[in-house]
Amino acid sequence: MNLGLFGFEPPIAESGGRQFQIAMQEAGYFLPIITAVFLVAGASIILNRFGALGSLLLAPVSANILLFHAVLGGGQVTLAIVFSVINLYCIWYYRNAYKPLFKPRT
């Protein structure tokens, strides 16, 4: 089954996350969209073009990865924590770009 844009197949979880992971694979659209978000957001951060937007696009993805590994993934959470910390750093780095989002409209 072709799961991502490049046919990458993530390993099936051995714990309670197996059913969730199989459901995402069988949906057919979920993993290619996540792969596209990774590529676009990662490229925007690396190329320093729309990096603030790329960091925001990765925030829900990194939160879901962290929660999956913490709750369903059988404790394999180290890389998820590293990815989340890097994403939080990127969000902090671009914090000035987000300030207009928190100003009330007048």
PDB file of N, CA and C in Angstrom:
ATOM      1  N   MET A   1       0.843  -1.178   0.000  1.00  0.00           N
ATOM      2  CA  MET A   1       0.000   0.000   0.000  1.00  0.00           C
ATOM      3  C   MET A   1       0.885   1.236   0.000  1.00  0.00           C
ATOM      4  N   ASN A   2       0.648   2.163  -0.895  1.00  0.00           N
ATOM      5  CA  ASN A   2       1.387   3.408  -0.976  1.00  0.00           C
ATOM      6  C   ASN A   2       0.829   4.375   0.063  1.00  0.00           C
ATOM      7  N   LEU A   3       1.655   4.709   1.045  1.00  0.00           N
ATOM      8  CA  LEU A   3       1.142   5.469   2.180  1.00  0.00           C
ATOM      9  C   LEU A   3       1.452   6.953   2.126  1.00  0.00           C
ATOM     10  N   GLY A   4       2.567   7.313   1.562  1.00  0.00           N
ATOM     11  CA  GLY A   4       2.932   8.713   1.508  1.00  0.00           C
ATOM     12  C   GLY A   4       3.131   9.139   0.076  1.00  0.00           C
ATOM     13  N   LEU A   5       3.700  10.289  -0.095  1.00  0.00           N
ATOM     14  CA  LEU A   5       3.957  10.768  -1.443  1.00  0.00           C
ATOM     15  C   LEU A   5       5.034   9.944  -2.140  1.00  0.00           C
ATOM     16  N   PHE A   6       5.935   9.352  -1.365  1.00  0.00           N
ATOM     17  CA  PHE A   6       7.047   8.608  -1.941  1.00  0.00           C
ATOM     18  C   PHE A   6       6.986   7.121  -1.617  1.00  0.00           C
ATOM     19  N   GLY A   7       5.856   6.628  -1.171  1.00  0.00           N
ATOM     20  CA  GLY A   7       5.690   5.210  -0.887  1.00  0.00           C
ATOM     21  C   GLY A   7       6.323   4.769   0.420  1.00  0.00           C
ATOM     22  N   PHE A   8       6.685   5.704   1.291  1.00  0.00           N
ATOM     23  CA  PHE A   8       7.270   5.365   2.585  1.00  0.00           C
ATOM     24  C   PHE A   8       6.228   4.705   3.466  1.00  0.00           C
ATOM     25  N   GLU A   9       6.577   3.582   4.037  1.00  0.00           N
ATOM     26  CA  GLU A   9       5.661   2.893   4.938  1.00  0.00           C
ATOM     27  C   GLU A   9       6.222   2.942   6.351  1.00  0.00           C
ATOM     28  N   PRO A  10       5.561   3.666   7.256  1.00  0.00           N
ATOM     29  CA  PRO A  10       6.038   3.681   8.635  1.00  0.00           C
ATOM     30  C   PRO A  10       5.811   2.323   9.280  1.00  0.00           C
ATOM     31  N   PRO A  11       6.671   1.954  10.224  1.00  0.00           N
ATOM     32  CA  PRO A  11       6.475   0.662  10.884  1.00  0.00           C
ATOM     33  C   PRO A  11       5.167   0.639  11.672  1.00  0.00           C
ATOM     34  N   ILE A  12       4.511  -0.503  11.663  1.00  0.00           N
ATOM     35  CA  ILE A  12       3.261  -0.658  12.405  1.00  0.00           C
ATOM     36  C   ILE A  12       3.578  -0.740  13.893  1.00  0.00           C
ATOM     37  N   ALA A  13       2.865   0.031  14.673  1.00  0.00           N
ATOM     38  CA  ALA A  13       3.059   0.046  16.121  1.00  0.00           C
ATOM     39  C   ALA A  13       2.711  -1.323  16.698  1.00  0.00           C
ATOM     40  N   GLU A  14       3.435  -1.708  17.714  1.00  0.00           N
ATOM     41  CA  GLU A  14       3.208  -3.001  18.353  1.00  0.00           C
ATOM     42  C   GLU A  14       2.220  -2.894  19.515  1.00  0.00           C
ATOM     43  N   SER A  15       1.840  -1.716  19.871  1.00  0.00           N
ATOM     44  CA  SER A  15       0.996  -1.538  21.050  1.00  0.00           C
ATOM     45  C   SER A  15      -0.418  -1.139  20.642  1.00  0.00           C
ATOM     46  N   GLY A  16      -1.096  -0.423  21.502  1.00  0.00           N
ATOM     47  CA  GLY A  16      -2.477  -0.029  21.258  1.00  0.00           C
ATOM     48  C   GLY A  16      -2.656   0.909  20.087  1.00  0.00           C
ATOM     49  N   GLY A  17      -1.604   1.495  19.598  1.00  0.00           N
ATOM     50  CA  GLY A  17      -1.697   2.401  18.471  1.00  0.00           C
ATOM     51  C   GLY A  17      -1.845   1.702  17.139  1.00  0.00           C
ATOM     52  N   ARG A  18      -1.759   0.392  17.114  1.00  0.00           N
ATOM     53  CA  ARG A  18      -1.831  -0.368  15.869  1.00  0.00           C
ATOM     54  C   ARG A  18      -3.152  -0.129  15.128  1.00  0.00           C
ATOM     55  N   GLN A  19      -4.263  -0.192  15.827  1.00  0.00           N
ATOM     56  CA  GLN A  19      -5.568   0.010  15.187  1.00  0.00           C
ATOM     57  C   GLN A  19      -5.696   1.430  14.639  1.00  0.00           C
ATOM     58  N   PHE A  20      -5.219   2.406  15.395  1.00  0.00           N
ATOM     59  CA  PHE A  20      -5.269   3.788  14.941  1.00  0.00           C
ATOM     60  C   PHE A  20      -4.415   3.979  13.693  1.00  0.00           C
ATOM     61  N   GLN A  21      -3.230   3.405  13.697  1.00  0.00           N
ATOM     62  CA  GLN A  21      -2.324   3.535  12.571  1.00  0.00           C
ATOM     63  C   GLN A  21      -2.875   2.845  11.320  1.00  0.00           C
ATOM     64  N   ILE A  22      -3.453   1.679  11.473  1.00  0.00           N
ATOM     65  CA  ILE A  22      -4.053   0.974  10.343  1.00  0.00           C
ATOM     66  C   ILE A  22      -5.232   1.770   9.793  1.00  0.00           C
ATOM     67  N   ALA A  23      -6.028   2.377  10.670  1.00  0.00           N
ATOM     68  CA  ALA A  23      -7.159   3.192  10.210  1.00  0.00           C
ATOM     69  C   ALA A  23      -6.679   4.385   9.403  1.00  0.00           C
ATOM     70  N   MET A  24      -5.573   5.028   9.823  1.00  0.00           N
ATOM     71  CA  MET A  24      -5.029   6.151   9.053  1.00  0.00           C
ATOM     72  C   MET A  24      -4.536   5.685   7.689  1.00  0.00           C
ATOM     73  N   GLN A  25      -3.920   4.509   7.640  1.00  0.00           N
ATOM     74  CA  GLN A  25      -3.426   3.981   6.372  1.00  0.00           C
ATOM     75  C   GLN A  25      -4.567   3.622   5.437  1.00  0.00           C
ATOM     76  N   GLU A  26      -5.613   3.029   5.968  1.00  0.00           N
ATOM     77  CA  GLU A  26      -6.731   2.598   5.135  1.00  0.00           C
ATOM     78  C   GLU A  26      -7.586   3.771   4.653  1.00  0.00           C
ATOM     79  N   ALA A  27      -7.506   4.895   5.340  1.00  0.00           N
ATOM     80  CA  ALA A  27      -8.262   6.065   4.885  1.00  0.00           C
ATOM     81  C   ALA A  27      -7.791   6.513   3.508  1.00  0.00           C
ATOM     82  N   GLY A  28      -6.516   6.313   3.221  1.00  0.00           N
ATOM     83  CA  GLY A  28      -5.998   6.586   1.896  1.00  0.00           C
ATOM     84  C   GLY A  28      -5.527   8.004   1.649  1.00  0.00           C
ATOM     85  N   TYR A  29      -6.106   8.973   2.294  1.00  0.00           N
ATOM     86  CA  TYR A  29      -5.746  10.371   2.042  1.00  0.00           C
ATOM     87  C   TYR A  29      -4.889  10.954   3.155  1.00  0.00           C
ATOM     88  N   PHE A  30      -4.941  10.389   4.330  1.00  0.00           N
ATOM     89  CA  PHE A  30      -4.361  11.003   5.519  1.00  0.00           C
ATOM     90  C   PHE A  30      -2.842  11.099   5.445  1.00  0.00           C
ATOM     91  N   LEU A  31      -2.167   9.997   5.197  1.00  0.00           N
ATOM     92  CA  LEU A  31      -0.715  10.006   5.195  1.00  0.00           C
ATOM     93  C   LEU A  31      -0.107  10.796   4.036  1.00  0.00           C
ATOM     94  N   PRO A  32      -0.681  10.767   2.830  1.00  0.00           N
ATOM     95  CA  PRO A  32      -0.132  11.658   1.794  1.00  0.00           C
ATOM     96  C   PRO A  32      -0.262  13.147   2.143  1.00  0.00           C
ATOM     97  N   ILE A  33      -1.359  13.525   2.804  1.00  0.00           N
ATOM     98  CA  ILE A  33      -1.520  14.921   3.206  1.00  0.00           C
ATOM     99  C   ILE A  33      -0.499  15.290   4.278  1.00  0.00           C
ATOM    100  N   ILE A  34      -0.293  14.410   5.246  1.00  0.00           N
ATOM    101  CA  ILE A  34       0.695  14.670   6.293  1.00  0.00           C
ATOM    102  C   ILE A  34       2.087  14.781   5.685  1.00  0.00           C
ATOM    103  N   THR A  35       2.401  13.912   4.716  1.00  0.00           N
ATOM    104  CA  THR A  35       3.705  13.977   4.048  1.00  0.00           C
ATOM    105  C   THR A  35       3.863  15.300   3.316  1.00  0.00           C
ATOM    106  N   ALA A  36       2.822  15.754   2.640  1.00  0.00           N
ATOM    107  CA  ALA A  36       2.883  17.032   1.933  1.00  0.00           C
ATOM    108  C   ALA A  36       3.075  18.191   2.913  1.00  0.00           C
ATOM    109  N   VAL A  37       2.388  18.150   4.056  1.00  0.00           N
ATOM    110  CA  VAL A  37       2.544  19.195   5.072  1.00  0.00           C
ATOM    111  C   VAL A  37       3.981  19.206   5.595  1.00  0.00           C
ATOM    112  N   PHE A  38       4.546  18.020   5.867  1.00  0.00           N
ATOM    113  CA  PHE A  38       5.940  17.938   6.305  1.00  0.00           C
ATOM    114  C   PHE A  38       6.879  18.566   5.289  1.00  0.00           C
ATOM    115  N   LEU A  39       6.704  18.223   4.018  1.00  0.00           N
ATOM    116  CA  LEU A  39       7.603  18.728   2.985  1.00  0.00           C
ATOM    117  C   LEU A  39       7.488  20.240   2.820  1.00  0.00           C
ATOM    118  N   VAL A  40       6.275  20.743   2.726  1.00  0.00           N
ATOM    119  CA  VAL A  40       6.075  22.185   2.517  1.00  0.00           C
ATOM    120  C   VAL A  40       6.521  22.979   3.747  1.00  0.00           C
ATOM    121  N   ALA A  41       6.098  22.543   4.923  1.00  0.00           N
ATOM    122  CA  ALA A  41       6.461  23.272   6.144  1.00  0.00           C
ATOM    123  C   ALA A  41       7.956  23.177   6.414  1.00  0.00           C
ATOM    124  N   GLY A  42       8.521  21.996   6.248  1.00  0.00           N
ATOM    125  CA  GLY A  42       9.962  21.838   6.458  1.00  0.00           C
ATOM    126  C   GLY A  42      10.779  22.672   5.495  1.00  0.00           C
ATOM    127  N   ALA A  43      10.380  22.676   4.225  1.00  0.00           N
ATOM    128  CA  ALA A  43      11.090  23.491   3.233  1.00  0.00           C
ATOM    129  C   ALA A  43      10.966  24.977   3.555  1.00  0.00           C
ATOM    130  N   SER A  44       9.801  25.399   4.020  1.00  0.00           N
ATOM    131  CA  SER A  44       9.630  26.817   4.351  1.00  0.00           C
ATOM    132  C   SER A  44      10.508  27.225   5.524  1.00  0.00           C
ATOM    133  N   ILE A  45      10.700  26.329   6.478  1.00  0.00           N
ATOM    134  CA  ILE A  45      11.558  26.639   7.624  1.00  0.00           C
ATOM    135  C   ILE A  45      13.029  26.615   7.207  1.00  0.00           C
ATOM    136  N   ILE A  46      13.420  25.579   6.471  1.00  0.00           N
ATOM    137  CA  ILE A  46      14.823  25.455   6.058  1.00  0.00           C
ATOM    138  C   ILE A  46      15.238  26.599   5.134  1.00  0.00           C
ATOM    139  N   LEU A  47      14.360  26.972   4.202  1.00  0.00           N
ATOM    140  CA  LEU A  47      14.668  28.037   3.258  1.00  0.00           C
ATOM    141  C   LEU A  47      14.419  29.432   3.832  1.00  0.00           C
ATOM    142  N   ASN A  48      13.902  29.480   5.055  1.00  0.00           N
ATOM    143  CA  ASN A  48      13.585  30.730   5.741  1.00  0.00           C
ATOM    144  C   ASN A  48      12.625  31.602   4.929  1.00  0.00           C
ATOM    145  N   ARG A  49      11.696  30.959   4.267  1.00  0.00           N
ATOM    146  CA  ARG A  49      10.622  31.638   3.535  1.00  0.00           C
ATOM    147  C   ARG A  49       9.317  31.142   4.151  1.00  0.00           C
ATOM    148  N   PHE A  50       8.560  32.020   4.744  1.00  0.00           N
ATOM    149  CA  PHE A  50       7.312  31.659   5.425  1.00  0.00           C
ATOM    150  C   PHE A  50       7.567  30.661   6.562  1.00  0.00           C
ATOM    151  N   GLY A  51       8.670  30.845   7.261  1.00  0.00           N
ATOM    152  CA  GLY A  51       9.026  29.941   8.356  1.00  0.00           C
ATOM    153  C   GLY A  51       8.019  29.966   9.492  1.00  0.00           C
ATOM    154  N   ALA A  52       7.449  31.133   9.762  1.00  0.00           N
ATOM    155  CA  ALA A  52       6.447  31.234  10.827  1.00  0.00           C
ATOM    156  C   ALA A  52       5.220  30.392  10.486  1.00  0.00           C
ATOM    157  N   LEU A  53       4.798  30.446   9.229  1.00  0.00           N
ATOM    158  CA  LEU A  53       3.660  29.638   8.798  1.00  0.00           C
ATOM    159  C   LEU A  53       4.008  28.153   8.833  1.00  0.00           C
ATOM    160  N   GLY A  54       5.211  27.806   8.405  1.00  0.00           N
ATOM    161  CA  GLY A  54       5.634  26.405   8.448  1.00  0.00           C
ATOM    162  C   GLY A  54       5.644  25.854   9.858  1.00  0.00           C
ATOM    163  N   SER A  55       6.110  26.654  10.807  1.00  0.00           N
ATOM    164  CA  SER A  55       6.117  26.214  12.208  1.00  0.00           C
ATOM    165  C   SER A  55       4.704  25.991  12.725  1.00  0.00           C
ATOM    166  N   LEU A  56       3.785  26.878  12.335  1.00  0.00           N
ATOM    167  CA  LEU A  56       2.394  26.700  12.769  1.00  0.00           C
ATOM    168  C   LEU A  56       1.757  25.479  12.117  1.00  0.00           C
ATOM    169  N   LEU A  57       2.107  25.197  10.869  1.00  0.00           N
ATOM    170  CA  LEU A  57       1.571  23.998  10.205  1.00  0.00           C
ATOM    171  C   LEU A  57       2.055  22.721  10.887  1.00  0.00           C
ATOM    172  N   LEU A  58       3.268  22.742  11.390  1.00  0.00           N
ATOM    173  CA  LEU A  58       3.819  21.554  12.042  1.00  0.00           C
ATOM    174  C   LEU A  58       3.360  21.379  13.490  1.00  0.00           C
ATOM    175  N   ALA A  59       2.809  22.426  14.100  1.00  0.00           N
ATOM    176  CA  ALA A  59       2.414  22.344  15.513  1.00  0.00           C
ATOM    177  C   ALA A  59       1.382  21.248  15.784  1.00  0.00           C
ATOM    178  N   PRO A  60       0.252  21.183  15.052  1.00  0.00           N
ATOM    179  CA  PRO A  60      -0.691  20.109  15.356  1.00  0.00           C
ATOM    180  C   PRO A  60      -0.159  18.726  14.989  1.00  0.00           C
ATOM    181  N   VAL A  61       0.690  18.674  13.980  1.00  0.00           N
ATOM    182  CA  VAL A  61       1.276  17.387  13.596  1.00  0.00           C
ATOM    183  C   VAL A  61       2.207  16.894  14.699  1.00  0.00           C
ATOM    184  N   SER A  62       3.067  17.784  15.201  1.00  0.00           N
ATOM    185  CA  SER A  62       3.987  17.367  16.256  1.00  0.00           C
ATOM    186  C   SER A  62       3.239  17.039  17.549  1.00  0.00           C
ATOM    187  N   ALA A  63       2.174  17.765  17.839  1.00  0.00           N
ATOM    188  CA  ALA A  63       1.377  17.444  19.028  1.00  0.00           C
ATOM    189  C   ALA A  63       0.737  16.066  18.891  1.00  0.00           C
ATOM    190  N   ASN A  64       0.224  15.746  17.706  1.00  0.00           N
ATOM    191  CA  ASN A  64      -0.387  14.437  17.485  1.00  0.00           C
ATOM    192  C   ASN A  64       0.651  13.322  17.569  1.00  0.00           C
ATOM    193  N   ILE A  65       1.834  13.548  17.018  1.00  0.00           N
ATOM    194  CA  ILE A  65       2.901  12.540  17.100  1.00  0.00           C
ATOM    195  C   ILE A  65       3.291  12.310  18.555  1.00  0.00           C
ATOM    196  N   LEU A  66       3.449  13.405  19.298  1.00  0.00           N
ATOM    197  CA  LEU A  66       3.819  13.285  20.710  1.00  0.00           C
ATOM    198  C   LEU A  66       2.749  12.534  21.504  1.00  0.00           C
ATOM    199  N   LEU A  67       1.492  12.896  21.307  1.00  0.00           N
ATOM    200  CA  LEU A  67       0.414  12.217  22.032  1.00  0.00           C
ATOM    201  C   LEU A  67       0.275  10.758  21.616  1.00  0.00           C
ATOM    202  N   PHE A  68       0.444  10.469  20.323  1.00  0.00           N
ATOM    203  CA  PHE A  68       0.368   9.082  19.855  1.00  0.00           C
ATOM    204  C   PHE A  68       1.413   8.229  20.567  1.00  0.00           C
ATOM    205  N   HIS A  69       2.661   8.699  20.591  1.00  0.00           N
ATOM    206  CA  HIS A  69       3.724   7.900  21.204  1.00  0.00           C
ATOM    207  C   HIS A  69       3.635   7.870  22.717  1.00  0.00           C
ATOM    208  N   ALA A  70       3.122   8.929  23.320  1.00  0.00           N
ATOM    209  CA  ALA A  70       2.998   8.950  24.773  1.00  0.00           C
ATOM    210  C   ALA A  70       1.844   8.080  25.250  1.00  0.00           C
ATOM    211  N   VAL A  71       0.734   8.077  24.506  1.00  0.00           N
ATOM    212  CA  VAL A  71      -0.460   7.373  24.967  1.00  0.00           C
ATOM    213  C   VAL A  71      -0.587   5.986  24.325  1.00  0.00           C
ATOM    214  N   LEU A  72      -0.402   5.896  23.027  1.00  0.00           N
ATOM    215  CA  LEU A  72      -0.657   4.650  22.312  1.00  0.00           C
ATOM    216  C   LEU A  72       0.589   3.931  21.834  1.00  0.00           C
ATOM    217  N   GLY A  73       1.712   4.604  21.778  1.00  0.00           N
ATOM    218  CA  GLY A  73       2.891   4.065  21.122  1.00  0.00           C
ATOM    219  C   GLY A  73       3.785   3.197  21.960  1.00  0.00           C
ATOM    220  N   GLY A  74       3.375   2.787  23.115  1.00  0.00           N
ATOM    221  CA  GLY A  74       4.182   1.874  23.914  1.00  0.00           C
ATOM    222  C   GLY A  74       5.417   2.515  24.522  1.00  0.00           C
ATOM    223  N   GLY A  75       5.400   3.815  24.741  1.00  0.00           N
ATOM    224  CA  GLY A  75       6.496   4.478  25.428  1.00  0.00           C
ATOM    225  C   GLY A  75       7.651   4.901  24.546  1.00  0.00           C
ATOM    226  N   GLN A  76       7.574   4.734  23.250  1.00  0.00           N
ATOM    227  CA  GLN A  76       8.648   5.160  22.348  1.00  0.00           C
ATOM    228  C   GLN A  76       8.458   6.638  22.033  1.00  0.00           C
ATOM    229  N   VAL A  77       8.799   7.461  22.986  1.00  0.00           N
ATOM    230  CA  VAL A  77       8.425   8.863  22.907  1.00  0.00           C
ATOM    231  C   VAL A  77       9.629   9.786  22.703  1.00  0.00           C
ATOM    232  N   THR A  78      10.841   9.271  22.710  1.00  0.00           N
ATOM    233  CA  THR A  78      12.035  10.123  22.680  1.00  0.00           C
ATOM    234  C   THR A  78      12.100  10.997  21.440  1.00  0.00           C
ATOM    235  N   LEU A  79      11.967  10.431  20.241  1.00  0.00           N
ATOM    236  CA  LEU A  79      12.021  11.230  19.015  1.00  0.00           C
ATOM    237  C   LEU A  79      10.843  12.185  18.915  1.00  0.00           C
ATOM    238  N   ALA A  80       9.691  11.778  19.428  1.00  0.00           N
ATOM    239  CA  ALA A  80       8.531  12.667  19.420  1.00  0.00           C
ATOM    240  C   ALA A  80       8.790  13.892  20.293  1.00  0.00           C
ATOM    241  N   ILE A  81       9.447  13.703  21.420  1.00  0.00           N
ATOM    242  CA  ILE A  81       9.793  14.830  22.293  1.00  0.00           C
ATOM    243  C   ILE A  81      10.800  15.741  21.596  1.00  0.00           C
ATOM    244  N   VAL A  82      11.806  15.147  20.959  1.00  0.00           N
ATOM    245  CA  VAL A  82      12.810  15.941  20.247  1.00  0.00           C
ATOM    246  C   VAL A  82      12.154  16.768  19.148  1.00  0.00           C
ATOM    247  N   PHE A  83      11.287  16.143  18.354  1.00  0.00           N
ATOM    248  CA  PHE A  83      10.594  16.851  17.281  1.00  0.00           C
ATOM    249  C   PHE A  83       9.728  17.973  17.836  1.00  0.00           C
ATOM    250  N   SER A  84       9.030  17.724  18.919  1.00  0.00           N
ATOM    251  CA  SER A  84       8.173  18.741  19.525  1.00  0.00           C
ATOM    252  C   SER A  84       8.990  19.908  20.076  1.00  0.00           C
ATOM    253  N   VAL A  85      10.131  19.609  20.687  1.00  0.00           N
ATOM    254  CA  VAL A  85      10.986  20.669  21.225  1.00  0.00           C
ATOM    255  C   VAL A  85      11.544  21.532  20.094  1.00  0.00           C
ATOM    256  N   ILE A  86      11.972  20.896  18.996  1.00  0.00           N
ATOM    257  CA  ILE A  86      12.471  21.660  17.848  1.00  0.00           C
ATOM    258  C   ILE A  86      11.365  22.542  17.285  1.00  0.00           C
ATOM    259  N   ASN A  87      10.155  21.998  17.191  1.00  0.00           N
ATOM    260  CA  ASN A  87       9.038  22.791  16.669  1.00  0.00           C
ATOM    261  C   ASN A  87       8.698  23.944  17.612  1.00  0.00           C
ATOM    262  N   LEU A  88       8.703  23.696  18.910  1.00  0.00           N
ATOM    263  CA  LEU A  88       8.447  24.776  19.866  1.00  0.00           C
ATOM    264  C   LEU A  88       9.519  25.859  19.778  1.00  0.00           C
ATOM    265  N   TYR A  89      10.767  25.463  19.557  1.00  0.00           N
ATOM    266  CA  TYR A  89      11.828  26.445  19.382  1.00  0.00           C
ATOM    267  C   TYR A  89      11.573  27.297  18.131  1.00  0.00           C
ATOM    268  N   CYS A  90      11.168  26.658  17.042  1.00  0.00           N
ATOM    269  CA  CYS A  90      10.881  27.407  15.814  1.00  0.00           C
ATOM    270  C   CYS A  90       9.724  28.386  16.029  1.00  0.00           C
ATOM    271  N   ILE A  91       8.697  27.946  16.747  1.00  0.00           N
ATOM    272  CA  ILE A  91       7.575  28.843  17.047  1.00  0.00           C
ATOM    273  C   ILE A  91       8.056  30.010  17.903  1.00  0.00           C
ATOM    274  N   TRP A  92       8.909  29.732  18.880  1.00  0.00           N
ATOM    275  CA  TRP A  92       9.447  30.803  19.714  1.00  0.00           C
ATOM    276  C   TRP A  92      10.315  31.739  18.877  1.00  0.00           C
ATOM    277  N   TYR A  93      11.110  31.201  17.963  1.00  0.00           N
ATOM    278  CA  TYR A  93      11.982  32.005  17.104  1.00  0.00           C
ATOM    279  C   TYR A  93      11.177  32.987  16.255  1.00  0.00           C
ATOM    280  N   TYR A  94      10.021  32.548  15.772  1.00  0.00           N
ATOM    281  CA  TYR A  94       9.174  33.394  14.932  1.00  0.00           C
ATOM    282  C   TYR A  94       8.075  34.105  15.732  1.00  0.00           C
ATOM    283  N   ARG A  95       8.225  34.217  17.030  1.00  0.00           N
ATOM    284  CA  ARG A  95       7.160  34.746  17.894  1.00  0.00           C
ATOM    285  C   ARG A  95       6.722  36.147  17.507  1.00  0.00           C
ATOM    286  N   ASN A  96       7.616  36.968  17.005  1.00  0.00           N
ATOM    287  CA  ASN A  96       7.218  38.332  16.624  1.00  0.00           C
ATOM    288  C   ASN A  96       6.247  38.339  15.449  1.00  0.00           C
ATOM    289  N   ALA A  97       6.306  37.323  14.610  1.00  0.00           N
ATOM    290  CA  ALA A  97       5.384  37.246  13.474  1.00  0.00           C
ATOM    291  C   ALA A  97       3.962  36.939  13.936  1.00  0.00           C
ATOM    292  N   TYR A  98       3.821  36.364  15.127  1.00  0.00           N
ATOM    293  CA  TYR A  98       2.495  35.980  15.622  1.00  0.00           C
ATOM    294  C   TYR A  98       1.823  37.074  16.437  1.00  0.00           C
ATOM    295  N   LYS A  99       2.540  38.116  16.809  1.00  0.00           N
ATOM    296  CA  LYS A  99       1.974  39.163  17.670  1.00  0.00           C
ATOM    297  C   LYS A  99       0.710  39.791  17.104  1.00  0.00           C
ATOM    298  N   PRO A 100       0.624  40.060  15.793  1.00  0.00           N
ATOM    299  CA  PRO A 100      -0.626  40.637  15.274  1.00  0.00           C
ATOM    300  C   PRO A 100      -1.841  39.720  15.436  1.00  0.00           C
ATOM    301  N   LEU A 101      -1.611  38.441  15.566  1.00  0.00           N
ATOM    302  CA  LEU A 101      -2.732  37.512  15.737  1.00  0.00           C
ATOM    303  C   LEU A 101      -3.426  37.689  17.084  1.00  0.00           C
ATOM    304  N   PHE A 102      -2.695  38.227  18.053  1.00  0.00           N
ATOM    305  CA  PHE A 102      -3.241  38.344  19.395  1.00  0.00           C
ATOM    306  C   PHE A 102      -3.674  39.758  19.765  1.00  0.00           C
ATOM    307  N   LYS A 103      -3.693  40.652  18.779  1.00  0.00           N
ATOM    308  CA  LYS A 103      -4.184  42.008  19.027  1.00  0.00           C
ATOM    309  C   LYS A 103      -5.680  42.027  18.756  1.00  0.00           C
ATOM    310  N   PRO A 104      -6.459  42.625  19.672  1.00  0.00           N
ATOM    311  CA  PRO A 104      -7.908  42.692  19.446  1.00  0.00           C
ATOM    312  C   PRO A 104      -8.245  43.633  18.286  1.00  0.00           C
ATOM    313  N   ARG A 105      -9.279  43.296  17.581  1.00  0.00           N
ATOM    314  CA  ARG A 105      -9.753  44.161  16.480  1.00  0.00           C
ATOM    315  C   ARG A 105     -10.483  45.358  17.073  1.00  0.00           C
ATOM    316  N   THR A 106     -10.315  46.476  16.447  1.00  0.00           N
ATOM    317  CA  THR A 106     -11.010  47.680  16.942  1.00  0.00           C
ATOM    318  C   THR A 106     -11.977  48.201  15.920  1.00  0.00           C
TER     319      THR A 106
END
